[in-house]
Amino acid sequence: MINIDNGSLLTTIFVIVDDWHEKQVKNTTMLKPGVKPSMSDSEILTLALVMDYLPFPGERQFIGFIRGNYREWFPNLLDQSQFN
């Protein structure tokens, strides 16, 4: 089995998700009414996908891990209740 560090996993998934979002989704969601979100769709999707790969017992622990180790990568990280 190949091991990949968490930073590389986050980066790889973000690049794939962001490229897909730019090509397939962005044009269909640009005209949505309401307040502009503080996190991008790509960031939220990345965190949701990575959460499935990392062995945390729950969302709260995962968000705490991201906040403690990768806060600079997600400067507008939502609170756990908002992420849910």
N, C-alpha and C. Protein backbone atom coordinates (compact mmCIF):
# COMPACT_ATOMS: atom_id res chain seq x y z
N MET A 1 0.84 -1.17 0.00
CA MET A 1 0.00 0.00 0.00
C MET A 1 0.89 1.24 0.00
N ILE A 2 0.48 2.25 -0.73
CA ILE A 2 1.23 3.50 -0.82
C ILE A 2 0.72 4.47 0.24
N ASN A 3 1.64 5.04 1.00
CA ASN A 3 1.30 6.05 1.99
C ASN A 3 1.49 7.43 1.40
N ILE A 4 0.59 8.33 1.71
CA ILE A 4 0.68 9.71 1.26
C ILE A 4 0.47 10.60 2.47
N ASP A 5 1.27 11.65 2.58
CA ASP A 5 1.12 12.53 3.74
C ASP A 5 -0.15 13.37 3.59
N ASN A 6 -0.65 13.86 4.69
CA ASN A 6 -1.93 14.59 4.71
C ASN A 6 -1.90 15.83 3.83
N GLY A 7 -0.80 16.55 3.83
CA GLY A 7 -0.70 17.75 3.00
C GLY A 7 -0.80 17.43 1.52
N SER A 8 -0.13 16.37 1.11
CA SER A 8 -0.19 15.96 -0.30
C SER A 8 -1.59 15.48 -0.66
N LEU A 9 -2.24 14.79 0.26
CA LEU A 9 -3.61 14.34 0.02
C LEU A 9 -4.54 15.53 -0.16
N LEU A 10 -4.45 16.51 0.74
CA LEU A 10 -5.28 17.71 0.65
C LEU A 10 -5.04 18.44 -0.67
N THR A 11 -3.78 18.60 -1.03
CA THR A 11 -3.44 19.33 -2.25
C THR A 11 -3.94 18.61 -3.49
N THR A 12 -3.73 17.32 -3.55
CA THR A 12 -4.15 16.54 -4.71
C THR A 12 -5.66 16.58 -4.88
N ILE A 13 -6.39 16.35 -3.81
CA ILE A 13 -7.85 16.35 -3.91
C ILE A 13 -8.36 17.75 -4.24
N PHE A 14 -7.75 18.79 -3.64
CA PHE A 14 -8.20 20.15 -3.96
C PHE A 14 -8.01 20.47 -5.44
N VAL A 15 -6.87 20.11 -6.00
CA VAL A 15 -6.61 20.40 -7.41
C VAL A 15 -7.62 19.69 -8.31
N ILE A 16 -7.88 18.44 -8.02
CA ILE A 16 -8.85 17.68 -8.82
C ILE A 16 -10.24 18.29 -8.69
N VAL A 17 -10.66 18.58 -7.46
CA VAL A 17 -12.00 19.14 -7.22
C VAL A 17 -12.12 20.52 -7.85
N ASP A 18 -11.10 21.36 -7.67
CA ASP A 18 -11.17 22.72 -8.20
C ASP A 18 -11.21 22.72 -9.73
N ASP A 19 -10.41 21.88 -10.36
CA ASP A 19 -10.45 21.78 -11.82
C ASP A 19 -11.82 21.32 -12.30
N TRP A 20 -12.37 20.31 -11.65
CA TRP A 20 -13.71 19.82 -12.01
C TRP A 20 -14.75 20.92 -11.80
N HIS A 21 -14.67 21.62 -10.68
CA HIS A 21 -15.64 22.67 -10.37
C HIS A 21 -15.58 23.78 -11.41
N GLU A 22 -14.39 24.19 -11.80
CA GLU A 22 -14.24 25.24 -12.81
C GLU A 22 -14.86 24.84 -14.14
N LYS A 23 -14.69 23.58 -14.53
CA LYS A 23 -15.18 23.12 -15.83
C LYS A 23 -16.67 22.78 -15.83
N GLN A 24 -17.16 22.19 -14.74
CA GLN A 24 -18.51 21.63 -14.76
C GLN A 24 -19.56 22.40 -13.96
N VAL A 25 -19.18 23.09 -12.91
CA VAL A 25 -20.18 23.61 -11.98
C VAL A 25 -20.21 25.13 -11.90
N LYS A 26 -19.07 25.77 -11.95
CA LYS A 26 -18.97 27.19 -11.63
C LYS A 26 -19.96 28.05 -12.41
N ASN A 27 -20.09 27.84 -13.70
CA ASN A 27 -20.98 28.66 -14.52
C ASN A 27 -22.45 28.50 -14.15
N THR A 28 -22.81 27.39 -13.56
CA THR A 28 -24.21 27.17 -13.20
C THR A 28 -24.56 27.73 -11.83
N THR A 29 -23.56 28.06 -11.02
CA THR A 29 -23.84 28.54 -9.66
C THR A 29 -23.45 30.00 -9.45
N MET A 30 -22.94 30.66 -10.46
CA MET A 30 -22.47 32.04 -10.29
C MET A 30 -23.61 33.02 -10.02
N LEU A 31 -24.78 32.74 -10.49
CA LEU A 31 -25.89 33.69 -10.36
C LEU A 31 -26.80 33.41 -9.17
N LYS A 32 -26.35 32.61 -8.23
CA LYS A 32 -27.16 32.32 -7.05
C LYS A 32 -27.32 33.57 -6.20
N PRO A 33 -28.53 33.84 -5.73
CA PRO A 33 -28.72 35.01 -4.87
C PRO A 33 -28.17 34.75 -3.46
N GLY A 34 -28.00 35.82 -2.71
CA GLY A 34 -27.59 35.67 -1.32
C GLY A 34 -26.17 36.16 -1.08
N VAL A 35 -25.76 36.00 0.14
CA VAL A 35 -24.44 36.44 0.57
C VAL A 35 -23.37 35.52 -0.02
N LYS A 36 -22.27 36.14 -0.45
CA LYS A 36 -21.16 35.35 -0.98
C LYS A 36 -20.56 34.53 0.17
N PRO A 37 -20.40 33.22 -0.01
CA PRO A 37 -19.85 32.38 1.06
C PRO A 37 -18.39 32.71 1.35
N SER A 38 -17.97 32.47 2.59
CA SER A 38 -16.59 32.76 2.97
C SER A 38 -15.62 31.68 2.49
N MET A 39 -16.09 30.45 2.34
CA MET A 39 -15.26 29.37 1.80
C MET A 39 -15.76 29.03 0.41
N SER A 40 -14.84 28.65 -0.46
CA SER A 40 -15.23 28.27 -1.81
C SER A 40 -15.87 26.88 -1.80
N ASP A 41 -16.65 26.62 -2.83
CA ASP A 41 -17.23 25.28 -2.97
C ASP A 41 -16.14 24.23 -3.05
N SER A 42 -15.05 24.55 -3.74
CA SER A 42 -13.94 23.60 -3.88
C SER A 42 -13.31 23.27 -2.53
N GLU A 43 -13.17 24.27 -1.66
CA GLU A 43 -12.60 24.02 -0.33
C GLU A 43 -13.51 23.11 0.49
N ILE A 44 -14.80 23.38 0.46
CA ILE A 44 -15.75 22.57 1.24
C ILE A 44 -15.80 21.14 0.71
N LEU A 45 -15.86 20.99 -0.60
CA LEU A 45 -15.87 19.64 -1.18
C LEU A 45 -14.58 18.90 -0.87
N THR A 46 -13.46 19.60 -0.92
CA THR A 46 -12.17 18.97 -0.60
C THR A 46 -12.18 18.44 0.83
N LEU A 47 -12.60 19.27 1.77
CA LEU A 47 -12.63 18.83 3.17
C LEU A 47 -13.59 17.65 3.36
N ALA A 48 -14.73 17.69 2.69
CA ALA A 48 -15.69 16.58 2.81
C ALA A 48 -15.09 15.28 2.28
N LEU A 49 -14.36 15.34 1.17
CA LEU A 49 -13.75 14.14 0.60
C LEU A 49 -12.58 13.65 1.45
N VAL A 50 -11.73 14.56 1.90
CA VAL A 50 -10.58 14.17 2.71
C VAL A 50 -11.03 13.55 4.03
N MET A 51 -12.14 14.04 4.57
CA MET A 51 -12.64 13.50 5.83
C MET A 51 -12.92 12.00 5.72
N ASP A 52 -13.27 11.54 4.52
CA ASP A 52 -13.52 10.12 4.32
C ASP A 52 -12.22 9.30 4.32
N TYR A 53 -11.09 9.93 4.04
CA TYR A 53 -9.82 9.22 3.97
C TYR A 53 -9.05 9.21 5.27
N LEU A 54 -9.25 10.21 6.11
CA LEU A 54 -8.49 10.30 7.35
C LEU A 54 -9.28 9.68 8.50
N PRO A 55 -8.61 8.93 9.37
CA PRO A 55 -9.31 8.16 10.41
C PRO A 55 -9.66 8.98 11.65
N PHE A 56 -10.63 9.87 11.52
CA PHE A 56 -11.12 10.62 12.68
C PHE A 56 -12.49 10.09 13.06
N PRO A 57 -12.78 10.02 14.37
CA PRO A 57 -14.06 9.45 14.79
C PRO A 57 -15.26 10.32 14.44
N GLY A 58 -15.04 11.60 14.18
CA GLY A 58 -16.17 12.46 13.85
C GLY A 58 -15.74 13.75 13.18
N GLU A 59 -16.73 14.47 12.71
CA GLU A 59 -16.50 15.73 12.01
C GLU A 59 -15.82 16.76 12.91
N ARG A 60 -16.21 16.83 14.16
CA ARG A 60 -15.63 17.80 15.09
C ARG A 60 -14.12 17.59 15.23
N GLN A 61 -13.69 16.35 15.36
CA GLN A 61 -12.27 16.05 15.50
C GLN A 61 -11.52 16.37 14.20
N PHE A 62 -12.15 16.07 13.08
CA PHE A 62 -11.52 16.36 11.79
C PHE A 62 -11.34 17.86 11.60
N ILE A 63 -12.37 18.64 11.85
CA ILE A 63 -12.28 20.09 11.70
C ILE A 63 -11.25 20.65 12.68
N GLY A 64 -11.19 20.11 13.88
CA GLY A 64 -10.16 20.53 14.83
C GLY A 64 -8.76 20.24 14.32
N PHE A 65 -8.58 19.09 13.68
CA PHE A 65 -7.29 18.74 13.09
C PHE A 65 -6.91 19.71 11.98
N ILE A 66 -7.85 20.01 11.11
CA ILE A 66 -7.59 20.95 10.02
C ILE A 66 -7.28 22.33 10.59
N ARG A 67 -8.05 22.76 11.57
CA ARG A 67 -7.83 24.07 12.19
C ARG A 67 -6.44 24.12 12.85
N GLY A 68 -6.03 23.06 13.50
CA GLY A 68 -4.75 23.03 14.19
C GLY A 68 -3.54 22.87 13.30
N ASN A 69 -3.71 22.23 12.13
CA ASN A 69 -2.56 21.91 11.29
C ASN A 69 -2.54 22.57 9.92
N TYR A 70 -3.70 22.96 9.41
CA TYR A 70 -3.78 23.50 8.05
C TYR A 70 -4.60 24.78 8.00
N ARG A 71 -4.61 25.51 9.08
CA ARG A 71 -5.41 26.74 9.13
C ARG A 71 -5.01 27.74 8.04
N GLU A 72 -3.70 27.82 7.75
CA GLU A 72 -3.24 28.77 6.73
C GLU A 72 -3.71 28.38 5.33
N TRP A 73 -4.03 27.11 5.13
CA TRP A 73 -4.55 26.66 3.84
C TRP A 73 -6.04 26.96 3.71
N PHE A 74 -6.74 27.06 4.83
CA PHE A 74 -8.17 27.33 4.86
C PHE A 74 -8.42 28.51 5.80
N PRO A 75 -8.02 29.73 5.41
CA PRO A 75 -8.11 30.87 6.33
C PRO A 75 -9.54 31.23 6.73
N ASN A 76 -10.51 30.86 5.94
CA ASN A 76 -11.91 31.17 6.25
C ASN A 76 -12.67 29.93 6.69
N LEU A 77 -11.96 29.02 7.35
CA LEU A 77 -12.56 27.76 7.78
C LEU A 77 -13.80 28.01 8.64
N LEU A 78 -14.87 27.36 8.29
CA LEU A 78 -16.12 27.52 9.01
C LEU A 78 -16.04 26.83 10.37
N ASP A 79 -16.89 27.26 11.29
CA ASP A 79 -17.04 26.55 12.55
C ASP A 79 -17.66 25.19 12.23
N GLN A 80 -17.49 24.25 13.15
CA GLN A 80 -18.00 22.91 12.91
C GLN A 80 -19.49 22.93 12.67
N SER A 81 -20.25 23.73 13.38
CA SER A 81 -21.70 23.77 13.18
C SER A 81 -22.07 24.35 11.82
N GLN A 82 -21.28 25.26 11.30
CA GLN A 82 -21.54 25.82 9.97
C GLN A 82 -21.16 24.85 8.87
N PHE A 83 -20.10 24.09 9.12
CA PHE A 83 -19.63 23.14 8.12
C PHE A 83 -20.67 22.06 7.90
N ASN A 84 -21.33 21.67 8.97
CA ASN A 84 -22.32 20.63 8.92
C ASN A 84 -23.46 21.06 8.04
